[in-house]
Amino acid sequence: MKTLDDIRNDLKEIRYYYSRKTMFDRMSTIVESDVVKTVNNYNSVIRSAPAMLYDIYMSVYVFNNTQEAVADDWDMSFSYVHKVHEKLLQFLQANIKGGSNI
């Protein structure tokens, strides 16, 4: 089972990937980065997530928003969004196979 720290590190890589997706797409014609595999694996897991967990994943990691920005967009408190984010981490931990690879 992946640790929460492993998942957090993967999510940082995923966020970076999406922030630079155009560059990664261009470079994949030369060499595809392993981060693309990580992204695809997390995306396949998130498909089965409850709607709110799917939404927080997309909002924070794909669209590169902070939890504070999501709280403003959703018209909810930061603490509530933070709790939803923690549930996302737990969902991912329960549904992602362990080890260094997903």
C-alpha atoms as a PDB file:
ATOM      1  CA  MET A   1       0.000   0.000   0.000  1.00  0.00           C
ATOM      2  CA  LYS A   2       1.283   3.444  -0.881  1.00  0.00           C
ATOM      3  CA  THR A   3       1.803   5.757   2.036  1.00  0.00           C
ATOM      4  CA  LEU A   4       0.047   9.114   2.192  1.00  0.00           C
ATOM      5  CA  ASP A   5       3.451  10.747   1.681  1.00  0.00           C
ATOM      6  CA  ASP A   6       3.953   8.712  -1.514  1.00  0.00           C
ATOM      7  CA  ILE A   7       0.528   9.811  -2.740  1.00  0.00           C
ATOM      8  CA  ARG A   8       1.226  13.457  -1.879  1.00  0.00           C
ATOM      9  CA  ASN A   9       4.498  13.263  -3.814  1.00  0.00           C
ATOM     10  CA  ASP A  10       2.732  11.691  -6.794  1.00  0.00           C
ATOM     11  CA  LEU A  11       0.091  14.421  -6.681  1.00  0.00           C
ATOM     12  CA  LYS A  12       2.788  17.109  -6.717  1.00  0.00           C
ATOM     13  CA  GLU A  13       4.212  15.495  -9.845  1.00  0.00           C
ATOM     14  CA  ILE A  14       0.744  15.271 -11.387  1.00  0.00           C
ATOM     15  CA  ARG A  15       0.085  18.947 -10.656  1.00  0.00           C
ATOM     16  CA  TYR A  16       3.411  19.883 -12.240  1.00  0.00           C
ATOM     17  CA  TYR A  17       2.651  17.711 -15.263  1.00  0.00           C
ATOM     18  CA  TYR A  18      -0.667  19.455 -15.879  1.00  0.00           C
ATOM     19  CA  SER A  19       0.870  22.894 -15.379  1.00  0.00           C
ATOM     20  CA  ARG A  20       3.373  22.038 -18.158  1.00  0.00           C
ATOM     21  CA  LYS A  21       1.247  19.622 -20.201  1.00  0.00           C
ATOM     22  CA  THR A  22       1.970  21.318 -23.534  1.00  0.00           C
ATOM     23  CA  MET A  23       5.697  20.818 -23.013  1.00  0.00           C
ATOM     24  CA  PHE A  24       5.217  17.183 -21.936  1.00  0.00           C
ATOM     25  CA  ASP A  25       3.052  16.538 -25.007  1.00  0.00           C
ATOM     26  CA  ARG A  26       5.728  17.977 -27.297  1.00  0.00           C
ATOM     27  CA  MET A  27       8.504  16.031 -25.598  1.00  0.00           C
ATOM     28  CA  SER A  28       6.597  12.730 -25.653  1.00  0.00           C
ATOM     29  CA  THR A  29       7.425  12.424 -29.358  1.00  0.00           C
ATOM     30  CA  ILE A  30      11.056  12.056 -28.260  1.00  0.00           C
ATOM     31  CA  VAL A  31      10.772  10.329 -24.875  1.00  0.00           C
ATOM     32  CA  GLU A  32       7.662   9.911 -22.752  1.00  0.00           C
ATOM     33  CA  SER A  33       8.234  10.723 -19.086  1.00  0.00           C
ATOM     34  CA  ASP A  34       7.256   8.202 -16.422  1.00  0.00           C
ATOM     35  CA  VAL A  35       5.055  10.912 -14.930  1.00  0.00           C
ATOM     36  CA  VAL A  36       2.645  10.305 -17.818  1.00  0.00           C
ATOM     37  CA  LYS A  37       2.167   6.729 -16.577  1.00  0.00           C
ATOM     38  CA  THR A  38       1.537   8.026 -13.069  1.00  0.00           C
ATOM     39  CA  VAL A  39      -1.004  10.543 -14.383  1.00  0.00           C
ATOM     40  CA  ASN A  40      -2.827   7.894 -16.396  1.00  0.00           C
ATOM     41  CA  ASN A  41      -2.943   5.500 -13.455  1.00  0.00           C
ATOM     42  CA  TYR A  42      -4.293   8.118 -11.037  1.00  0.00           C
ATOM     43  CA  ASN A  43      -6.833   9.237 -13.640  1.00  0.00           C
ATOM     44  CA  SER A  44      -8.080   5.668 -14.034  1.00  0.00           C
ATOM     45  CA  VAL A  45      -8.549   5.406 -10.256  1.00  0.00           C
ATOM     46  CA  ILE A  46     -10.229   8.796  -9.865  1.00  0.00           C
ATOM     47  CA  ARG A  47     -12.914   7.835 -12.393  1.00  0.00           C
ATOM     48  CA  SER A  48     -14.644   5.722  -9.759  1.00  0.00           C
ATOM     49  CA  ALA A  49     -14.424   8.371  -7.022  1.00  0.00           C
ATOM     50  CA  PRO A  50     -17.498  10.049  -5.575  1.00  0.00           C
ATOM     51  CA  ALA A  51     -18.316  13.270  -7.432  1.00  0.00           C
ATOM     52  CA  MET A  52     -16.922  15.656  -4.814  1.00  0.00           C
ATOM     53  CA  LEU A  53     -13.592  13.784  -4.620  1.00  0.00           C
ATOM     54  CA  TYR A  54     -13.403  13.757  -8.414  1.00  0.00           C
ATOM     55  CA  ASP A  55     -14.113  17.495  -8.410  1.00  0.00           C
ATOM     56  CA  ILE A  56     -11.407  18.308  -5.847  1.00  0.00           C
ATOM     57  CA  TYR A  57      -8.852  16.201  -7.742  1.00  0.00           C
ATOM     58  CA  MET A  58      -9.648  17.985 -10.988  1.00  0.00           C
ATOM     59  CA  SER A  59      -9.795  21.427  -9.383  1.00  0.00           C
ATOM     60  CA  VAL A  60      -6.545  21.159  -7.435  1.00  0.00           C
ATOM     61  CA  TYR A  61      -4.327  18.888  -9.520  1.00  0.00           C
ATOM     62  CA  VAL A  62      -5.546  19.181 -13.108  1.00  0.00           C
ATOM     63  CA  PHE A  63      -6.614  22.848 -13.100  1.00  0.00           C
ATOM     64  CA  ASN A  64      -3.828  23.846 -10.659  1.00  0.00           C
ATOM     65  CA  ASN A  65      -5.937  25.666  -8.060  1.00  0.00           C
ATOM     66  CA  THR A  66      -5.142  25.970  -4.384  1.00  0.00           C
ATOM     67  CA  GLN A  67      -7.537  24.612  -1.789  1.00  0.00           C
ATOM     68  CA  GLU A  68      -8.214  28.233  -0.826  1.00  0.00           C
ATOM     69  CA  ALA A  69      -9.237  29.061  -4.405  1.00  0.00           C
ATOM     70  CA  VAL A  70     -11.463  25.988  -4.523  1.00  0.00           C
ATOM     71  CA  ALA A  71     -13.114  27.054  -1.256  1.00  0.00           C
ATOM     72  CA  ASP A  72     -13.860  30.453  -2.794  1.00  0.00           C
ATOM     73  CA  ASP A  73     -15.159  28.894  -6.027  1.00  0.00           C
ATOM     74  CA  TRP A  74     -17.354  26.429  -4.151  1.00  0.00           C
ATOM     75  CA  ASP A  75     -18.482  29.093  -1.659  1.00  0.00           C
ATOM     76  CA  MET A  76     -17.404  26.844   1.215  1.00  0.00           C
ATOM     77  CA  SER A  77     -14.985  27.210   4.077  1.00  0.00           C
ATOM     78  CA  PHE A  78     -11.343  26.329   3.623  1.00  0.00           C
ATOM     79  CA  SER A  79     -11.583  23.823   6.486  1.00  0.00           C
ATOM     80  CA  TYR A  80     -14.386  21.968   4.686  1.00  0.00           C
ATOM     81  CA  VAL A  81     -12.428  21.834   1.423  1.00  0.00           C
ATOM     82  CA  HIS A  82      -9.380  20.664   3.380  1.00  0.00           C
ATOM     83  CA  LYS A  83     -11.460  17.813   4.860  1.00  0.00           C
ATOM     84  CA  VAL A  84     -12.677  16.850   1.381  1.00  0.00           C
ATOM     85  CA  HIS A  85      -9.052  16.858   0.213  1.00  0.00           C
ATOM     86  CA  GLU A  86      -8.095  14.551   3.087  1.00  0.00           C
ATOM     87  CA  LYS A  87     -10.902  12.194   2.009  1.00  0.00           C
ATOM     88  CA  LEU A  88      -9.439  12.291  -1.505  1.00  0.00           C
ATOM     89  CA  LEU A  89      -6.055  11.203  -0.146  1.00  0.00           C
ATOM     90  CA  GLN A  90      -7.700   8.362   1.785  1.00  0.00           C
ATOM     91  CA  PHE A  91      -9.668   7.295  -1.294  1.00  0.00           C
ATOM     92  CA  LEU A  92      -6.505   7.232  -3.387  1.00  0.00           C
ATOM     93  CA  GLN A  93      -4.614   5.310  -0.730  1.00  0.00           C
ATOM     94  CA  ALA A  94      -7.370   2.698  -0.548  1.00  0.00           C
ATOM     95  CA  ASN A  95      -7.593   2.307  -4.324  1.00  0.00           C
ATOM     96  CA  ILE A  96      -4.015   2.571  -5.567  1.00  0.00           C
ATOM     97  CA  LYS A  97      -1.795  -0.441  -5.513  1.00  0.00           C
ATOM     98  CA  GLY A  98       1.337  -0.061  -3.393  1.00  0.00           C
ATOM     99  CA  GLY A  99       4.993   0.034  -4.221  1.00  0.00           C
ATOM    100  CA  SER A 100       7.000   2.577  -6.131  1.00  0.00           C
ATOM    101  CA  ASN A 101       4.746   2.131  -9.162  1.00  0.00           C
ATOM    102  CA  ILE A 102       0.996   2.332  -9.136  1.00  0.00           C
END
